[in-house]
Amino acid sequence: MSYEIGGFANCHSHVFHRALRGRTHGGGGTFWTWREQMYALAGALDPDLLYDLARATYAEMALAGITSVGEFHYLHHAADGGTYDDPNAMGEAVVEAAKAAGIRVALLDTCYLSGGFGREVDGVQRRYTDGDVDAWAERVDALHATYADDPDVVVGAAVHSVRAVPAEQISGVVAWATTHGAPLHVHLSEQPAENDECRAVHGMTPTALLSERGVWETDATAVHATHLSAADISALGASRTYACFCPTTERDLADGVGPADALRDAGATLTLGSDSNAVVDMFEEMRAVELDERLVSGRRGTWQAGALLAAATSDGHRSLGFAATDDRVRVAYDSVRLAGSDPGPGSLVFAAAPADVREVVVGNEPIVQEGRHVRIDDVARDLDRAIRACWERV
């Protein structure tokens, strides 16, 4: 007995964070202390190692039923800030890794220009920056041209955050996305500290600042959207912005629980992502939206299974620039998790796990059969090798 659904869309991934799994979760501190560990890893990667890690991680995603990924990509240059002979070598490594693993990719090339409000980039952040938005746009133009005819690749844009892109340069990213008809994603209000500093510098919330710069007039996705005012929620809803929640990461980093129900009621559309890839499990991302809401509200049933499944599939693909796909995922009901359940959205969302995925078809091509990746013989072995190689360099 089985149940078939469309492929999952993982709308927010930092693929290299997969190497942090099991190494950062037991410690104390906050998002900001976790970030220092992530920065150490970011400094160790080159195009070849990033390709190996991304290929294996995207294969893990395929095994979990993910057929499209939005890669929020900011590892643009060499570790010392120098430019590779091919300025897009890192981005191309990510795209080619996804293609090798058999899934679609929206490379959300991220503009990252400052180390905080009014601060220069420092340390590993030097590899993130192009210097200014015009240089960023010139580099991304070339990347866009490279993949313009590939239906399984979208080259989109991202504003890393209001702290990492000066306000006067945000409009340049908006202009690029508008000219190319590309999706535009942005980290929004993940931490209260970001909101406080934005108010201190600009006299408004990050949502209001991005609205002033035209971000919400594009095909935009607000990632996290955790700490929002009532006015912020109204603005995102009125603009029909996508709101990408990443519950497994948001709870791992103690970010908080975002107002998913209020955003939906205001007119925003929910999508989902694995973000730091602490786990790769879209079933868990779906049910966490409802279960976390139960904890903070004391109510059950704010999110129905069908709506959560749409967030993880069709709505997510659209937010990445894939208007429609014919991808298919078959979930088997022969595990102890699903034994005795009637196949359907309810049991799928609230009880299934990636191990229940038996078949994945991307377009017309089988990528997973009988729970095994068709192209990659041993995904776990490849992940182990790539991750150990990363930490040997740190």
Foldseek 3Di string as FASTA:
>chain_A
DWDKDFFFEFEEAAQLLLLCAPPPLPDDDFLVVVVVVVLLLLQLDDLVLLLLSLLLSLLVLVLLRHAEYEHADQQQAHQVLDADPLSRSNVVSNCVSNVLLRHFYEDALEAFADPFAVHHDDGSCSSRHLNALVSVLVSLVVVCVVCVPPLRYHYHHEYAFCGGHPLVRLLSNVVSCVVVVFEYEYAACLAVVNQVVCCVVPVHGRLVSCVVSPQLQHLYEHEQQADDDPVSLLVNQVSQHEYEYQVVVSVSRVSHQHDVLSSVVSHHAYAYHNYSPSDSKLLCRLVCNQVVCCVVPVDHDSDDLVSSSCRRRQVSCVSSPNNDFPKMWMFDQPDPQRPPHDDDSVSSNPTDTSQRTAWIAGRNRTQHHGSQGPSDHDSVVSNVVSSVSSVVRD
